[in-house]
N, C-alpha and C. Protein backbone atom coordinates (compact mmCIF):
# COMPACT_ATOMS: atom_id res chain seq x y z
N MET A 1 115.41 114.14 115.75
CA MET A 1 114.52 113.58 114.95
C MET A 1 113.51 115.45 114.42
N GLN A 2 113.03 115.57 113.19
CA GLN A 2 112.67 116.71 112.88
C GLN A 2 111.01 116.28 112.85
N ILE A 3 110.02 116.80 114.04
CA ILE A 3 108.83 116.55 113.46
C ILE A 3 108.41 117.73 113.48
N GLN A 4 107.94 117.72 112.32
CA GLN A 4 106.96 118.87 111.52
C GLN A 4 105.31 118.52 112.05
N ILE A 5 103.79 118.51 113.20
CA ILE A 5 102.98 118.52 112.88
C ILE A 5 101.33 120.05 113.03
N VAL A 6 101.25 119.49 111.94
CA VAL A 6 100.47 120.16 110.74
C VAL A 6 98.60 119.92 111.54
N SER A 7 98.13 121.09 112.43
CA SER A 7 96.51 120.32 112.54
C SER A 7 96.05 121.20 111.05
N LYS A 8 94.26 120.58 111.25
CA LYS A 8 93.32 121.15 110.05
C LYS A 8 92.31 120.94 110.97
N ASN A 9 91.36 122.46 111.25
CA ASN A 9 90.83 123.07 112.25
C ASN A 9 90.58 122.76 113.21
N LEU A 10 91.20 122.55 114.14
CA LEU A 10 91.20 121.73 115.41
C LEU A 10 92.58 122.16 116.24
N ASP A 11 93.10 122.95 117.49
CA ASP A 11 94.23 123.39 117.91
C ASP A 11 95.47 121.94 118.76
N VAL A 12 96.51 120.92 118.73
CA VAL A 12 97.04 120.58 118.94
C VAL A 12 97.41 120.88 120.17
N SER A 13 97.12 120.47 121.32
CA SER A 13 97.20 120.28 122.67
C SER A 13 98.78 119.91 123.01
N PRO A 14 98.89 120.55 123.99
CA PRO A 14 100.84 120.22 124.08
C PRO A 14 101.08 119.39 124.74
N ALA A 15 99.94 118.33 125.26
CA ALA A 15 100.14 116.73 125.22
C ALA A 15 100.28 115.69 124.31
N LEU A 16 99.34 115.97 123.58
CA LEU A 16 99.31 115.26 122.52
C LEU A 16 100.44 115.83 121.87
N ASN A 17 100.93 116.93 121.78
CA ASN A 17 102.32 117.21 120.97
C ASN A 17 103.19 116.04 122.08
N ALA A 18 103.39 116.94 122.73
CA ALA A 18 104.43 116.03 123.30
C ALA A 18 104.25 114.61 123.50
N ARG A 19 103.23 113.58 123.10
CA ARG A 19 103.07 111.79 122.87
C ARG A 19 103.30 111.98 121.25
N ILE A 20 102.86 112.85 120.45
CA ILE A 20 104.03 112.50 119.20
C ILE A 20 105.69 112.28 118.94
N ASN A 21 106.30 113.04 119.60
CA ASN A 21 107.35 113.89 119.85
C ASN A 21 107.99 112.63 120.19
N GLU A 22 107.99 112.45 121.67
CA GLU A 22 107.84 110.86 122.58
C GLU A 22 108.74 109.31 121.22
N ARG A 23 106.56 109.31 120.91
CA ARG A 23 106.71 108.01 120.61
C ARG A 23 107.31 108.04 119.39
N PHE A 24 107.98 109.20 118.60
CA PHE A 24 108.78 108.93 117.15
C PHE A 24 110.30 108.68 117.44
N ASP A 25 110.37 109.18 118.70
CA ASP A 25 112.05 109.80 118.61
C ASP A 25 112.08 107.54 119.55
N GLU A 26 110.95 107.55 120.46
CA GLU A 26 111.50 105.66 121.27
C GLU A 26 111.42 105.26 119.73
N MET A 27 110.32 104.89 118.69
CA MET A 27 110.18 103.95 117.12
C MET A 27 111.92 104.13 115.93
N MET A 28 111.96 105.45 116.16
CA MET A 28 113.53 105.95 115.65
C MET A 28 114.71 105.25 116.47
N ASP A 29 114.59 105.75 117.53
CA ASP A 29 115.82 104.56 118.46
C ASP A 29 115.73 103.42 118.17
N LYS A 30 114.77 102.75 118.45
CA LYS A 30 114.69 100.87 118.11
C LYS A 30 115.02 100.67 117.11
N TYR A 31 114.34 101.29 116.39
CA TYR A 31 113.98 101.28 114.98
C TYR A 31 115.45 100.56 113.45
N ILE A 32 115.55 102.44 113.40
CA ILE A 32 116.42 102.96 112.50
C ILE A 32 117.49 103.52 112.64
N HIS A 33 118.04 104.23 114.13
CA HIS A 33 119.49 104.23 114.36
C HIS A 33 119.34 105.57 114.17
N ARG A 34 118.70 105.95 113.64
CA ARG A 34 119.19 107.39 112.42
C ARG A 34 118.36 108.91 112.57
N GLU A 35 118.65 109.48 112.50
CA GLU A 35 117.59 110.76 112.03
C GLU A 35 117.20 110.83 110.77
N GLY A 36 115.44 110.67 110.90
CA GLY A 36 114.47 111.30 109.64
C GLY A 36 114.01 111.63 109.89
N GLU A 37 113.27 112.30 108.95
CA GLU A 37 111.86 113.77 109.22
C GLU A 37 110.81 113.17 109.97
N ALA A 38 109.87 113.08 110.33
CA ALA A 38 108.00 113.51 110.31
C ALA A 38 107.18 114.20 109.86
N HIS A 39 106.52 113.99 109.07
CA HIS A 39 105.61 115.36 109.02
C HIS A 39 103.98 114.48 109.42
N VAL A 40 103.87 115.32 110.95
CA VAL A 40 102.29 114.07 111.79
C VAL A 40 100.97 115.61 110.99
N SER A 41 100.11 115.29 110.07
CA SER A 41 98.62 116.45 110.13
C SER A 41 97.89 115.78 111.27
N VAL A 42 96.62 116.99 111.57
CA VAL A 42 96.47 116.31 112.03
C VAL A 42 94.73 117.12 112.51
N SER A 43 92.99 116.18 111.73
CA SER A 43 92.68 116.83 111.64
C SER A 43 91.51 116.04 111.81
N ARG A 44 90.42 117.45 111.50
CA ARG A 44 89.34 116.79 112.34
C ARG A 44 87.80 116.91 110.31
N GLU A 45 87.62 115.42 110.88
CA GLU A 45 87.02 114.49 109.75
C GLU A 45 85.32 114.46 109.88
N GLY A 46 84.28 115.25 109.12
CA GLY A 46 83.64 115.09 109.93
C GLY A 46 83.54 114.65 111.10
N THR A 47 83.14 113.70 111.92
CA THR A 47 82.47 113.80 112.85
C THR A 47 83.71 113.13 113.97
N GLY A 48 84.32 112.03 113.25
CA GLY A 48 85.69 112.14 114.00
C GLY A 48 86.78 113.30 113.59
N PHE A 49 88.23 112.18 113.72
CA PHE A 49 89.54 113.39 113.36
C PHE A 49 90.04 112.34 112.76
N ARG A 50 91.49 112.89 112.15
CA ARG A 50 92.24 111.47 111.25
C ARG A 50 93.35 112.51 111.70
N THR A 51 94.46 110.95 112.17
CA THR A 51 95.54 111.78 112.27
C THR A 51 96.68 111.09 110.52
N VAL A 52 96.55 111.80 109.58
CA VAL A 52 98.39 111.22 109.00
C VAL A 52 100.31 111.66 109.18
N CYS A 53 100.44 110.37 109.13
CA CYS A 53 102.07 110.83 109.62
C CYS A 53 103.04 109.79 108.35
N SER A 54 103.76 110.77 108.12
CA SER A 54 104.69 110.55 107.32
C SER A 54 106.21 111.01 107.66
N VAL A 55 107.17 109.63 106.80
CA VAL A 55 108.41 110.19 107.45
C VAL A 55 109.61 109.20 107.01
N HIS A 56 110.22 110.17 106.56
CA HIS A 56 111.77 110.39 105.15
C HIS A 56 112.62 110.15 106.40
N LEU A 57 113.21 108.55 105.39
CA LEU A 57 114.42 108.30 106.22
C LEU A 57 115.31 108.31 105.03
N PRO A 58 116.52 108.65 106.24
CA PRO A 58 118.39 109.05 105.41
C PRO A 58 118.21 107.88 104.63
N SER A 59 117.57 107.02 104.23
CA SER A 59 118.27 105.86 103.17
C SER A 59 117.46 106.37 101.82
N GLY A 60 116.30 106.64 102.09
CA GLY A 60 115.54 107.90 101.20
C GLY A 60 114.33 107.10 101.13
N ALA A 61 113.45 106.32 102.03
CA ALA A 61 112.84 105.12 101.88
C ALA A 61 111.84 106.29 102.44
N THR A 62 110.20 105.97 102.04
CA THR A 62 109.33 107.24 102.92
C THR A 62 107.79 105.89 103.40
N MET A 63 107.95 106.14 104.61
CA MET A 63 106.38 105.57 105.35
C MET A 63 105.30 106.55 105.18
N GLU A 64 104.16 106.47 105.80
CA GLU A 64 103.33 106.64 105.04
C GLU A 64 102.05 105.86 106.33
N SER A 65 101.28 106.41 107.30
CA SER A 65 100.37 105.87 108.45
C SER A 65 99.20 106.83 108.35
N THR A 66 98.10 106.14 108.86
CA THR A 66 96.82 107.11 109.06
C THR A 66 95.69 106.16 109.74
N GLY A 67 95.26 107.40 110.88
CA GLY A 67 94.50 106.39 111.99
C GLY A 67 93.22 107.76 111.62
N ASN A 68 92.40 106.70 112.14
CA ASN A 68 90.73 107.05 112.34
C ASN A 68 90.42 107.40 113.34
N ALA A 69 89.71 107.77 113.79
CA ALA A 69 88.63 107.17 115.32
C ALA A 69 88.52 108.92 116.22
N GLN A 70 87.06 108.45 116.34
CA GLN A 70 86.23 110.28 117.31
C GLN A 70 86.84 110.92 118.03
N GLU A 71 88.39 110.01 118.57
CA GLU A 71 89.36 111.06 119.24
C GLU A 71 89.93 111.31 118.74
N ALA A 72 90.50 112.58 119.43
CA ALA A 72 92.36 112.62 118.10
C ALA A 72 93.11 112.36 118.87
N TYR A 73 93.47 112.27 119.91
CA TYR A 73 94.14 111.05 120.82
C TYR A 73 94.27 109.44 120.03
N ALA A 74 93.05 108.85 120.01
CA ALA A 74 92.65 107.85 119.92
C ALA A 74 93.29 107.38 117.92
N ALA A 75 92.85 108.38 117.31
CA ALA A 75 92.94 108.93 116.21
C ALA A 75 95.00 108.77 115.67
N THR A 76 95.88 109.72 116.36
CA THR A 76 96.92 109.41 116.65
C THR A 76 96.98 108.44 116.95
N ASP A 77 97.19 107.38 118.38
CA ASP A 77 97.64 105.93 118.70
C ASP A 77 98.26 105.55 117.56
N GLU A 78 96.05 104.98 116.69
CA GLU A 78 96.64 104.19 115.30
C GLU A 78 98.02 104.75 114.17
N ALA A 79 97.03 105.46 113.74
CA ALA A 79 99.02 105.95 113.21
C ALA A 79 100.17 105.40 113.81
N LEU A 80 100.10 106.12 115.03
CA LEU A 80 101.61 105.23 115.17
C LEU A 80 101.78 103.94 115.27
N GLU A 81 100.92 103.20 115.59
CA GLU A 81 101.24 102.36 116.01
C GLU A 81 101.15 101.28 114.39
N HIS A 82 99.95 101.57 113.49
CA HIS A 82 101.17 101.47 112.32
C HIS A 82 102.12 102.12 111.30
N MET A 83 102.64 103.10 112.05
CA MET A 83 104.33 103.47 111.83
C MET A 83 105.25 102.76 111.84
N GLU A 84 105.10 102.63 113.49
CA GLU A 84 105.62 101.79 113.55
C GLU A 84 106.11 100.13 113.56
N LYS A 85 105.17 99.42 112.95
CA LYS A 85 104.63 97.93 112.28
C LYS A 85 105.06 98.23 111.36
N ARG A 86 105.24 99.58 110.53
CA ARG A 86 105.96 99.63 109.20
C ARG A 86 107.55 100.16 109.34
N LEU A 87 108.19 100.45 110.26
CA LEU A 87 109.73 100.74 111.53
C LEU A 87 109.89 98.68 111.23
N ARG A 88 109.31 99.07 112.07
CA ARG A 88 109.82 96.85 112.17
C ARG A 88 109.83 96.17 110.75
N ARG A 89 109.08 96.14 110.14
CA ARG A 89 109.13 95.48 108.99
C ARG A 89 110.30 95.46 107.79
N TYR A 90 110.01 97.28 108.01
CA TYR A 90 111.33 97.90 107.55
C TYR A 90 113.02 97.10 108.01
N LYS A 91 113.01 97.11 109.20
CA LYS A 91 114.25 96.66 109.58
C LYS A 91 114.48 95.99 109.70
N ARG A 92 113.32 95.38 109.52
CA ARG A 92 113.28 92.89 109.29
C ARG A 92 113.38 92.31 108.09
N ARG A 93 112.40 93.49 107.28
CA ARG A 93 113.17 93.42 105.54
C ARG A 93 115.04 93.55 104.87
N LEU A 94 114.74 95.22 105.80
CA LEU A 94 116.80 95.33 105.07
C LEU A 94 117.55 94.16 105.30
N LYS A 95 117.43 93.47 106.80
CA LYS A 95 118.03 92.61 107.49
C LYS A 95 118.31 91.46 106.30
N ASP A 96 117.06 91.07 106.40
CA ASP A 96 116.35 89.69 105.09
C ASP A 96 117.20 90.63 103.86
N HIS A 97 117.10 91.34 102.99
CA HIS A 97 117.28 91.76 101.73
C HIS A 97 118.92 91.67 101.93
N GLN A 98 120.11 91.67 102.70
CA GLN A 98 121.44 92.31 102.97
C GLN A 98 121.80 91.05 103.46
N ALA A 99 120.98 89.78 104.26
CA ALA A 99 121.44 88.48 103.72
C ALA A 99 121.38 88.01 102.87
N GLN A 100 120.39 87.73 102.11
CA GLN A 100 120.37 87.49 100.52
C GLN A 100 121.16 88.00 99.76
N SER A 101 120.97 89.49 99.79
CA SER A 101 121.85 89.37 98.79
C SER A 101 123.29 88.99 99.07
N LYS A 102 123.83 88.66 100.34
CA LYS A 102 125.67 88.06 100.69
C LYS A 102 125.41 86.93 100.09
N ALA A 103 124.45 85.83 100.13
CA ALA A 103 124.64 84.66 99.29
C ALA A 103 123.81 84.34 98.23
N GLU A 104 122.94 85.56 97.43
CA GLU A 104 122.98 85.37 96.02
C GLU A 104 124.88 86.08 95.83
N ALA A 105 125.16 87.12 96.04
CA ALA A 105 126.84 86.95 95.47
C ALA A 105 127.62 85.96 95.91
N LYS A 106 127.12 84.90 96.39
CA LYS A 106 127.71 84.21 96.60
C LYS A 106 127.40 82.56 95.61
N ALA A 107 125.95 83.13 94.98
CA ALA A 107 124.87 81.43 94.32
C ALA A 107 126.11 82.08 93.32
N SER A 108 125.85 83.11 92.55
CA SER A 108 125.25 84.06 91.22
C SER A 108 124.92 82.97 90.84
N ALA A 109 123.91 82.80 90.18
CA ALA A 109 122.90 81.46 89.65
C ALA A 109 121.64 82.22 89.20
N MET A 110 121.68 82.40 87.76
CA MET A 110 120.27 82.65 86.99
C MET A 110 119.01 82.17 87.83
N SER A 111 118.25 84.03 88.12
CA SER A 111 117.21 84.38 88.67
C SER A 111 115.88 83.21 87.89
N MET A 112 114.74 83.22 88.52
CA MET A 112 114.16 82.93 86.95
C MET A 112 112.83 82.76 88.41
N PHE A 113 111.85 84.44 87.68
CA PHE A 113 110.68 84.60 88.30
C PHE A 113 109.50 83.70 87.31
N VAL A 114 108.09 83.70 88.05
CA VAL A 114 107.68 83.35 87.42
C VAL A 114 105.88 83.70 88.05
N LEU A 115 105.46 84.97 87.14
CA LEU A 115 104.59 85.87 86.82
C LEU A 115 102.92 84.61 86.66
N GLU A 116 101.82 85.57 87.14
CA GLU A 116 100.78 84.43 86.80
C GLU A 116 99.25 85.35 86.57
N ASN A 117 99.09 85.45 85.77
CA ASN A 117 97.84 86.15 85.40
C ASN A 117 96.86 86.51 86.34
N PRO A 118 97.01 87.83 86.85
CA PRO A 118 95.83 88.15 87.72
C PRO A 118 94.37 88.20 88.16
N ILE A 119 93.86 88.16 86.34
CA ILE A 119 92.68 88.11 86.01
C ILE A 119 91.97 86.73 86.57
N THR A 120 91.09 86.45 87.00
CA THR A 120 90.65 85.21 87.04
C THR A 120 89.55 85.30 86.06
N ASP A 121 88.90 84.02 85.90
CA ASP A 121 86.81 83.62 85.22
C ASP A 121 86.64 85.04 86.40
N ASP A 122 86.41 84.63 88.04
CA ASP A 122 86.33 85.02 88.99
C ASP A 122 85.43 86.29 88.59
N ASP A 123 86.69 86.89 88.69
CA ASP A 123 86.90 88.66 87.72
C ASP A 123 85.82 88.80 86.81
N LEU A 124 85.62 87.99 86.89
CA LEU A 124 84.71 88.60 84.45
C LEU A 124 83.38 88.95 84.88
N ASP A 125 82.97 89.48 85.54
CA ASP A 125 81.67 90.57 85.88
C ASP A 125 80.12 90.03 85.15
N SER A 126 80.57 91.05 82.97
CA SER A 126 79.73 90.34 81.97
C SER A 126 79.67 90.23 81.47
N ASP A 127 78.63 89.25 80.12
CA ASP A 127 78.82 88.64 79.24
C ASP A 127 79.82 88.49 78.20
N ASP A 128 80.74 89.20 77.81
CA ASP A 128 81.53 90.68 76.48
C ASP A 128 82.69 89.95 77.18
N GLY A 129 82.60 89.58 78.83
CA GLY A 129 84.20 89.72 78.40
C GLY A 129 84.86 90.63 79.90
N GLU A 130 84.19 91.86 79.90
CA GLU A 130 84.72 92.78 80.24
C GLU A 130 84.73 92.78 81.52
N ILE A 131 86.00 93.04 82.45
CA ILE A 131 86.57 93.65 83.90
C ILE A 131 85.31 93.78 84.37
N GLY A 132 84.72 93.20 85.00
CA GLY A 132 83.85 94.89 85.92
C GLY A 132 85.31 96.43 86.67
N GLY A 133 83.57 97.47 86.75
CA GLY A 133 84.10 99.13 87.77
C GLY A 133 83.74 99.19 86.40
N PRO A 134 84.61 101.34 86.23
CA PRO A 134 83.65 101.49 85.63
C PRO A 134 84.76 101.92 83.96
N SER A 135 84.02 102.15 84.04
CA SER A 135 84.65 101.92 81.90
C SER A 135 86.09 103.20 81.12
N GLU A 136 85.87 104.16 81.98
CA GLU A 136 87.00 104.90 82.23
C GLU A 136 86.97 105.46 83.62
N PRO A 137 88.33 104.89 84.10
CA PRO A 137 88.98 105.45 85.63
C PRO A 137 89.22 106.71 85.30
N MET A 138 89.03 107.39 86.78
CA MET A 138 89.40 108.45 86.82
C MET A 138 90.96 108.40 87.92
N ILE A 139 91.08 110.03 87.11
CA ILE A 139 92.92 110.53 88.03
C ILE A 139 92.10 111.21 88.60
N ILE A 140 92.72 110.64 89.57
CA ILE A 140 92.66 110.96 91.24
C ILE A 140 93.89 112.27 91.67
N SER A 141 94.62 111.87 92.12
CA SER A 141 95.85 112.18 91.61
C SER A 141 97.40 112.45 91.16
N GLU A 142 97.90 113.62 90.70
CA GLU A 142 99.40 112.67 90.09
C GLU A 142 100.65 113.73 91.11
N GLN A 143 101.84 113.15 91.23
CA GLN A 143 102.70 112.45 91.58
C GLN A 143 103.87 113.10 90.59
N SER A 144 104.98 113.80 91.00
CA SER A 144 105.87 114.08 90.37
C SER A 144 107.52 113.60 91.77
N ARG A 145 107.97 112.83 91.32
CA ARG A 145 109.19 112.46 91.82
C ARG A 145 110.04 111.39 90.65
N PRO A 146 111.61 111.39 92.11
CA PRO A 146 112.38 111.29 91.19
C PRO A 146 112.59 110.07 90.38
N VAL A 147 112.99 109.50 90.32
CA VAL A 147 113.10 107.48 89.44
C VAL A 147 114.56 107.02 90.32
N ARG A 148 115.05 106.75 91.32
CA ARG A 148 115.85 106.13 92.31
C ARG A 148 116.11 104.68 91.15
N THR A 149 118.10 104.55 90.87
CA THR A 149 118.42 103.90 90.76
C THR A 149 118.48 101.68 92.05
N MET A 150 118.11 101.60 91.86
CA MET A 150 117.90 100.59 93.04
C MET A 150 117.43 98.79 92.20
N THR A 151 117.76 97.35 93.28
CA THR A 151 117.01 96.39 92.82
C THR A 151 115.48 96.53 92.91
N PRO A 152 114.90 95.34 92.03
CA PRO A 152 114.04 94.66 91.90
C PRO A 152 113.52 94.78 93.94
N GLY A 153 114.52 94.23 94.40
CA GLY A 153 114.44 93.33 95.75
C GLY A 153 114.27 94.66 96.60
N MET A 154 114.74 95.33 97.15
CA MET A 154 115.21 97.46 97.19
C MET A 154 113.85 97.53 97.15
N ALA A 155 112.76 98.36 95.85
CA ALA A 155 112.00 98.08 95.37
C ALA A 155 110.32 97.58 96.08
N ALA A 156 110.23 95.98 95.80
CA ALA A 156 109.60 95.39 97.04
C ALA A 156 109.12 95.77 98.19
N LEU A 157 110.81 96.46 98.80
CA LEU A 157 111.78 96.48 100.55
C LEU A 157 109.90 98.26 100.59
N GLU A 158 109.98 99.29 99.56
CA GLU A 158 109.56 100.10 99.70
C GLU A 158 108.23 100.48 98.80
N LEU A 159 107.82 99.12 98.58
CA LEU A 159 106.81 99.25 98.27
C LEU A 159 106.01 98.35 99.65
N GLY A 160 106.76 98.02 100.27
CA GLY A 160 105.18 97.22 101.27
C GLY A 160 105.11 98.80 103.06
N LEU A 161 106.41 99.62 101.84
CA LEU A 161 106.18 100.99 103.13
C LEU A 161 105.21 101.69 103.17
N ALA A 162 104.92 101.64 102.47
CA ALA A 162 104.25 103.35 101.96
C ALA A 162 102.89 102.96 101.47
N ASP A 163 101.61 103.71 101.47
CA ASP A 163 100.30 103.20 100.73
C ASP A 163 100.44 102.68 99.80
N ASN A 164 101.14 103.11 98.48
CA ASN A 164 100.55 103.90 97.59
C ASN A 164 100.97 102.13 96.72
N GLY A 165 100.15 101.65 94.76
CA GLY A 165 100.83 100.59 95.22
C GLY A 165 101.51 100.44 93.81
N VAL A 166 102.48 101.26 93.21
CA VAL A 166 102.93 100.98 92.97
C VAL A 166 104.80 101.76 92.68
N VAL A 167 105.67 101.20 92.82
CA VAL A 167 106.85 102.25 93.05
C VAL A 167 107.66 101.63 91.25
N ILE A 168 107.94 102.67 90.76
CA ILE A 168 108.89 102.38 89.60
C ILE A 168 110.31 103.46 89.50
N PHE A 169 111.87 102.66 89.35
CA PHE A 169 112.91 102.82 89.44
C PHE A 169 113.72 101.56 88.56
N ASN A 170 114.86 103.00 88.26
CA ASN A 170 115.63 102.06 87.37
C ASN A 170 116.71 100.87 88.11
N ASN A 171 116.59 99.62 87.38
CA ASN A 171 116.58 98.75 88.03
C ASN A 171 118.27 99.03 87.86
N ALA A 172 119.33 98.51 88.87
CA ALA A 172 120.39 98.60 89.34
C ALA A 172 121.39 97.92 87.58
N LYS A 173 120.79 96.62 87.45
CA LYS A 173 121.64 95.92 87.22
C LYS A 173 121.65 96.41 85.37
N HIS A 174 120.68 96.27 85.43
CA HIS A 174 120.70 97.19 83.32
C HIS A 174 120.01 98.81 82.62
N GLY A 175 119.53 99.44 84.34
CA GLY A 175 119.59 100.28 83.41
C GLY A 175 118.54 101.22 83.51
N ARG A 176 117.36 100.43 82.97
CA ARG A 176 115.32 99.91 81.95
C ARG A 176 115.12 100.92 83.69
N ILE A 177 113.45 100.97 82.95
CA ILE A 177 112.98 101.74 83.96
C ILE A 177 112.29 99.98 83.79
N ASN A 178 112.23 100.16 85.76
CA ASN A 178 111.68 99.18 85.94
C ASN A 178 110.17 99.13 86.94
N VAL A 179 109.38 98.46 87.12
CA VAL A 179 108.23 98.63 87.63
C VAL A 179 107.67 96.90 88.21
N VAL A 180 107.43 97.57 90.18
CA VAL A 180 107.16 96.98 91.04
C VAL A 180 105.83 97.08 90.96
N PHE A 181 104.73 96.55 91.23
CA PHE A 181 103.20 96.53 91.61
C PHE A 181 102.62 95.67 92.92
N LYS A 182 101.52 96.57 93.37
CA LYS A 182 100.35 95.35 93.88
C LYS A 182 99.26 94.60 93.63
N ARG A 183 99.56 93.09 93.57
CA ARG A 183 98.72 92.43 92.97
C ARG A 183 97.80 92.39 93.78
N PRO A 184 96.06 92.21 92.97
CA PRO A 184 94.64 91.91 94.12
C PRO A 184 94.81 90.72 94.85
N ASP A 185 95.89 90.11 94.45
CA ASP A 185 95.54 88.57 94.71
C ASP A 185 96.83 88.56 96.61
N GLY A 186 97.39 90.15 96.27
CA GLY A 186 97.83 90.07 97.33
C GLY A 186 99.70 89.96 97.30
N ASN A 187 99.73 89.28 96.36
CA ASN A 187 101.63 89.07 96.03
C ASN A 187 102.43 90.31 95.12
N ILE A 188 103.46 90.74 94.86
CA ILE A 188 104.24 91.53 94.53
C ILE A 188 103.84 90.80 93.02
N GLY A 189 104.28 91.73 91.50
CA GLY A 189 104.04 91.70 90.71
C GLY A 189 105.38 92.78 89.60
N TRP A 190 106.46 92.14 89.28
CA TRP A 190 107.08 92.95 88.51
C TRP A 190 107.24 93.11 87.37
N ILE A 191 107.61 94.47 86.83
CA ILE A 191 107.26 94.28 84.85
C ILE A 191 108.90 94.87 84.81
N ASP A 192 109.84 94.10 83.79
CA ASP A 192 111.02 95.08 83.66
C ASP A 192 110.82 94.84 81.89
N PRO A 193 110.33 95.88 81.27
CA PRO A 193 110.35 95.36 79.39
C PRO A 193 111.56 95.24 79.23
N LYS A 194 111.64 94.58 78.25
CA LYS A 194 112.71 94.35 77.10
C LYS A 194 112.76 96.13 76.00
N ASP A 195 113.91 96.09 75.90
CA ASP A 195 114.39 96.27 74.86
C ASP A 195 113.40 96.24 73.03
């Protein structure tokens, strides 16, 4: 596995470097069984440390995890534990998705999705019926990524792997742009606009 370790405002010790390499090799052998690429950033943040791990798998999926602690080792261990949990979930969901795809191919029945309104009366803060929060949202970051073709199930799987709250994709069934997103109630929403 190719692992790039970057440090900001500190020097990464050979022991920490070896620990990161060893843990990533164990995780990839245990869950993925294929080579991938990892980027690890260890930085001093305030009075503590922050470690950010990003893994790009051969399947095209990207996973991210972070760890914050008073010591660099503890922050790195936390980030690596989160990454291991995501790899374990990815493997389990991939197995579940493959089994579900086989069952759907046999049944080939029409699917129906029920989506509920995520805004409840509790979410209304003011008397005029507007949702609470700032009236003009700020753009924090902008990212440019290719739009991949996949099924809504695979998009939902990818959504669970990364910290971002939305996945935009071309639906493999009909080729139109679709969106899956994390709803405030913890469920996943799916937008499939018509022509």
